[in-house]
Amino acid sequence: MTINDTQDEIIAEFSDFDDWMDRYQLLIDLGSEQQPLDERYKTDQNLIEGCQSRVWLQADDVDGRLVFRAESDALIVKGIVALLVRVLSGHTPDEILSADLYFIDRIGLREHLSPTRSNGLLAMVKQMRMYALAFKAKEGK
């Protein structure tokens, strides 16, 4: 499944709900369904700078594809990072770096987040792209 296929799937899931309270509940549910991050990955090195909540992001190279795992101590943020992991995990660094993450605006996420959560979302995306850049640079050696 491509990044855009996954984004379209998410847009369809969120379009089932008109009310933003229902969409927040969907985010919380998505975060709750996510596998907890192994304690050994909850390190300062994996903490994302710029998030008000604590968000840990682990990236591993599996056969040339990045596999992300993440967790947050805040329910809605946990759902947001679960969406990002769902969209970007399992793809090559090039696919991640060239991805247009249009689902964020299409589901109305950016406009319904507080400024601090919005900054956190941008920080999560930036960190995932930084991992992709680092893995790509490592491949080139």
C-alpha atoms as a PDB file:
ATOM      1  CA  MET A   1       0.000   0.000   0.000  1.00  0.00           C
ATOM      2  CA  THR A   2       1.394   3.408  -0.938  1.00  0.00           C
ATOM      3  CA  ILE A   3       1.601   6.402   1.391  1.00  0.00           C
ATOM      4  CA  ASN A   4      -1.228   8.059  -0.545  1.00  0.00           C
ATOM      5  CA  ASP A   5      -3.391   4.915  -0.336  1.00  0.00           C
ATOM      6  CA  THR A   6      -3.024   4.966   3.434  1.00  0.00           C
ATOM      7  CA  GLN A   7      -3.773   8.693   3.589  1.00  0.00           C
ATOM      8  CA  ASP A   8      -6.927   8.203   1.502  1.00  0.00           C
ATOM      9  CA  GLU A   9      -7.999   5.394   3.835  1.00  0.00           C
ATOM     10  CA  ILE A  10      -7.568   7.682   6.859  1.00  0.00           C
ATOM     11  CA  ILE A  11      -9.507  10.491   5.150  1.00  0.00           C
ATOM     12  CA  ALA A  12     -12.359   8.047   4.494  1.00  0.00           C
ATOM     13  CA  GLU A  13     -12.360   6.897   8.145  1.00  0.00           C
ATOM     14  CA  PHE A  14     -12.518  10.462   9.442  1.00  0.00           C
ATOM     15  CA  SER A  15     -15.173  11.517   6.923  1.00  0.00           C
ATOM     16  CA  ASP A  16     -17.604   9.165   8.693  1.00  0.00           C
ATOM     17  CA  PHE A  17     -17.720  11.740  11.513  1.00  0.00           C
ATOM     18  CA  ASP A  18     -19.029  15.290  11.175  1.00  0.00           C
ATOM     19  CA  ASP A  19     -18.553  16.270  14.804  1.00  0.00           C
ATOM     20  CA  TRP A  20     -15.036  17.018  15.984  1.00  0.00           C
ATOM     21  CA  MET A  21     -15.696  15.431  19.363  1.00  0.00           C
ATOM     22  CA  ASP A  22     -16.257  12.152  17.499  1.00  0.00           C
ATOM     23  CA  ARG A  23     -13.056  12.692  15.521  1.00  0.00           C
ATOM     24  CA  TYR A  24     -11.114  13.315  18.746  1.00  0.00           C
ATOM     25  CA  GLN A  25     -12.574  10.070  20.090  1.00  0.00           C
ATOM     26  CA  LEU A  26     -11.385   8.283  16.944  1.00  0.00           C
ATOM     27  CA  LEU A  27      -7.893   9.697  17.517  1.00  0.00           C
ATOM     28  CA  ILE A  28      -7.952   8.503  21.131  1.00  0.00           C
ATOM     29  CA  ASP A  29      -9.132   5.050  20.011  1.00  0.00           C
ATOM     30  CA  LEU A  30      -6.380   4.833  17.383  1.00  0.00           C
ATOM     31  CA  GLY A  31      -3.780   5.741  19.988  1.00  0.00           C
ATOM     32  CA  SER A  32      -5.163   3.180  22.436  1.00  0.00           C
ATOM     33  CA  GLU A  33      -4.985   0.427  19.794  1.00  0.00           C
ATOM     34  CA  GLN A  34      -1.312   1.078  19.130  1.00  0.00           C
ATOM     35  CA  GLN A  35       1.212  -1.354  20.589  1.00  0.00           C
ATOM     36  CA  PRO A  36       3.023   0.202  23.560  1.00  0.00           C
ATOM     37  CA  LEU A  37       6.596   1.211  22.862  1.00  0.00           C
ATOM     38  CA  ASP A  38       9.163  -1.040  24.501  1.00  0.00           C
ATOM     39  CA  GLU A  39      10.551   0.663  27.619  1.00  0.00           C
ATOM     40  CA  ARG A  40      14.111   0.448  26.260  1.00  0.00           C
ATOM     41  CA  TYR A  41      13.127   2.935  23.533  1.00  0.00           C
ATOM     42  CA  LYS A  42      11.718   5.494  25.957  1.00  0.00           C
ATOM     43  CA  THR A  43      14.990   7.380  26.129  1.00  0.00           C
ATOM     44  CA  ASP A  44      15.877  11.059  25.963  1.00  0.00           C
ATOM     45  CA  GLN A  45      17.420  10.381  22.544  1.00  0.00           C
ATOM     46  CA  ASN A  46      14.027   9.233  21.220  1.00  0.00           C
ATOM     47  CA  LEU A  47      12.040  12.103  22.760  1.00  0.00           C
ATOM     48  CA  ILE A  48      10.794  14.548  20.139  1.00  0.00           C
ATOM     49  CA  GLU A  49      11.785  18.145  20.796  1.00  0.00           C
ATOM     50  CA  GLY A  50       9.006  20.695  20.373  1.00  0.00           C
ATOM     51  CA  CYS A  51       6.159  18.590  21.731  1.00  0.00           C
ATOM     52  CA  GLN A  52       4.356  19.740  24.841  1.00  0.00           C
ATOM     53  CA  SER A  53       3.584  16.113  25.688  1.00  0.00           C
ATOM     54  CA  ARG A  54       6.249  13.470  25.860  1.00  0.00           C
ATOM     55  CA  VAL A  55       6.501  11.656  22.522  1.00  0.00           C
ATOM     56  CA  TRP A  56       9.041   8.933  21.844  1.00  0.00           C
ATOM     57  CA  LEU A  57       9.833   7.863  18.299  1.00  0.00           C
ATOM     58  CA  GLN A  58      11.921   4.832  17.375  1.00  0.00           C
ATOM     59  CA  ALA A  59      12.990   4.182  13.784  1.00  0.00           C
ATOM     60  CA  ASP A  60      14.595   1.027  12.449  1.00  0.00           C
ATOM     61  CA  ASP A  61      15.833   0.129   8.989  1.00  0.00           C
ATOM     62  CA  VAL A  62      14.248  -3.146   7.890  1.00  0.00           C
ATOM     63  CA  ASP A  63      15.399  -4.178   4.423  1.00  0.00           C
ATOM     64  CA  GLY A  64      15.757  -0.589   3.237  1.00  0.00           C
ATOM     65  CA  ARG A  65      12.429   0.531   4.676  1.00  0.00           C
ATOM     66  CA  LEU A  66      11.899   2.572   7.816  1.00  0.00           C
ATOM     67  CA  VAL A  67       9.754   1.027  10.499  1.00  0.00           C
ATOM     68  CA  PHE A  68       8.532   3.527  13.061  1.00  0.00           C
ATOM     69  CA  ARG A  69       7.214   2.841  16.533  1.00  0.00           C
ATOM     70  CA  ALA A  70       6.044   5.612  18.814  1.00  0.00           C
ATOM     71  CA  GLU A  71       4.215   6.416  21.992  1.00  0.00           C
ATOM     72  CA  SER A  72       3.013   9.473  23.859  1.00  0.00           C
ATOM     73  CA  ASP A  73       1.823  10.122  27.384  1.00  0.00           C
ATOM     74  CA  ALA A  74      -1.127  12.190  26.054  1.00  0.00           C
ATOM     75  CA  LEU A  75      -4.172  10.440  24.565  1.00  0.00           C
ATOM     76  CA  ILE A  76      -4.844  12.674  21.549  1.00  0.00           C
ATOM     77  CA  VAL A  77      -1.138  13.029  20.757  1.00  0.00           C
ATOM     78  CA  LYS A  78      -0.809   9.249  20.929  1.00  0.00           C
ATOM     79  CA  GLY A  79      -3.519   9.056  18.257  1.00  0.00           C
ATOM     80  CA  ILE A  80      -1.799  11.665  16.092  1.00  0.00           C
ATOM     81  CA  VAL A  81       1.526   9.865  16.209  1.00  0.00           C
ATOM     82  CA  ALA A  82      -0.294   6.564  15.523  1.00  0.00           C
ATOM     83  CA  LEU A  83      -1.637   8.114  12.293  1.00  0.00           C
ATOM     84  CA  LEU A  84       1.823   9.306  11.264  1.00  0.00           C
ATOM     85  CA  VAL A  85       3.323   5.874  11.973  1.00  0.00           C
ATOM     86  CA  ARG A  86       0.531   4.236   9.986  1.00  0.00           C
ATOM     87  CA  VAL A  87       1.163   6.509   6.988  1.00  0.00           C
ATOM     88  CA  LEU A  88       4.981   6.521   6.929  1.00  0.00           C
ATOM     89  CA  SER A  89       6.139   3.246   8.477  1.00  0.00           C
ATOM     90  CA  GLY A  90       7.267   0.552   6.084  1.00  0.00           C
ATOM     91  CA  HIS A  91       8.336   2.927   3.335  1.00  0.00           C
ATOM     92  CA  THR A  92      11.721   3.822   1.892  1.00  0.00           C
ATOM     93  CA  PRO A  93      13.523   7.004   2.929  1.00  0.00           C
ATOM     94  CA  ASP A  94      12.868   8.483  -0.543  1.00  0.00           C
ATOM     95  CA  GLU A  95       9.135   7.765  -0.307  1.00  0.00           C
ATOM     96  CA  ILE A  96       8.987   9.391   3.126  1.00  0.00           C
ATOM     97  CA  LEU A  97      10.982  12.439   2.052  1.00  0.00           C
ATOM     98  CA  SER A  98       8.862  13.044  -1.038  1.00  0.00           C
ATOM     99  CA  ALA A  99       5.503  12.383   0.641  1.00  0.00           C
ATOM    100  CA  ASP A 100       2.932  15.157   0.704  1.00  0.00           C
ATOM    101  CA  LEU A 101       1.081  14.544   3.962  1.00  0.00           C
ATOM    102  CA  TYR A 102      -2.209  15.985   2.716  1.00  0.00           C
ATOM    103  CA  PHE A 103      -4.359  13.922   5.077  1.00  0.00           C
ATOM    104  CA  ILE A 104      -3.491  16.276   7.959  1.00  0.00           C
ATOM    105  CA  ASP A 105      -5.382  19.146   6.328  1.00  0.00           C
ATOM    106  CA  ARG A 106      -8.070  17.032   4.656  1.00  0.00           C
ATOM    107  CA  ILE A 107      -9.289  15.546   7.935  1.00  0.00           C
ATOM    108  CA  GLY A 108      -9.163  19.008   9.513  1.00  0.00           C
ATOM    109  CA  LEU A 109      -6.540  18.017  12.033  1.00  0.00           C
ATOM    110  CA  ARG A 110      -4.317  21.073  11.766  1.00  0.00           C
ATOM    111  CA  GLU A 111      -7.191  23.534  12.207  1.00  0.00           C
ATOM    112  CA  HIS A 112      -8.615  21.668  15.229  1.00  0.00           C
ATOM    113  CA  LEU A 113      -5.394  21.415  17.221  1.00  0.00           C
ATOM    114  CA  SER A 114      -4.202  23.922  19.765  1.00  0.00           C
ATOM    115  CA  PRO A 115      -1.089  25.871  18.679  1.00  0.00           C
ATOM    116  CA  THR A 116       1.118  23.772  20.973  1.00  0.00           C
ATOM    117  CA  ARG A 117      -0.281  20.479  19.619  1.00  0.00           C
ATOM    118  CA  SER A 118       0.051  21.802  16.070  1.00  0.00           C
ATOM    119  CA  ASN A 119       3.715  22.584  16.758  1.00  0.00           C
ATOM    120  CA  GLY A 120       4.089  19.084  18.181  1.00  0.00           C
ATOM    121  CA  LEU A 121       2.589  17.576  15.026  1.00  0.00           C
ATOM    122  CA  LEU A 122       5.085  19.492  12.898  1.00  0.00           C
ATOM    123  CA  ALA A 123       7.906  18.340  15.195  1.00  0.00           C
ATOM    124  CA  MET A 124       6.825  14.692  14.792  1.00  0.00           C
ATOM    125  CA  VAL A 125       6.730  14.966  10.990  1.00  0.00           C
ATOM    126  CA  LYS A 126      10.088  16.747  10.986  1.00  0.00           C
ATOM    127  CA  GLN A 127      11.676  14.041  13.155  1.00  0.00           C
ATOM    128  CA  MET A 128      10.349  11.252  10.933  1.00  0.00           C
ATOM    129  CA  ARG A 129      11.800  13.013   7.886  1.00  0.00           C
ATOM    130  CA  MET A 130      15.105  13.515   9.717  1.00  0.00           C
ATOM    131  CA  TYR A 131      15.281   9.765  10.345  1.00  0.00           C
ATOM    132  CA  ALA A 132      14.586   9.191   6.643  1.00  0.00           C
ATOM    133  CA  LEU A 133      17.400  11.597   5.714  1.00  0.00           C
ATOM    134  CA  ALA A 134      19.805   9.913   8.147  1.00  0.00           C
ATOM    135  CA  PHE A 135      18.995   6.425   6.865  1.00  0.00           C
ATOM    136  CA  LYS A 136      19.283   7.605   3.273  1.00  0.00           C
ATOM    137  CA  ALA A 137      22.704   9.130   3.993  1.00  0.00           C
ATOM    138  CA  LYS A 138      23.787   5.904   5.680  1.00  0.00           C
ATOM    139  CA  GLU A 139      22.676   3.877   2.626  1.00  0.00           C
ATOM    140  CA  GLY A 140      24.733   6.105   0.347  1.00  0.00           C
ATOM    141  CA  LYS A 141      27.978   5.218   2.104  1.00  0.00           C
END
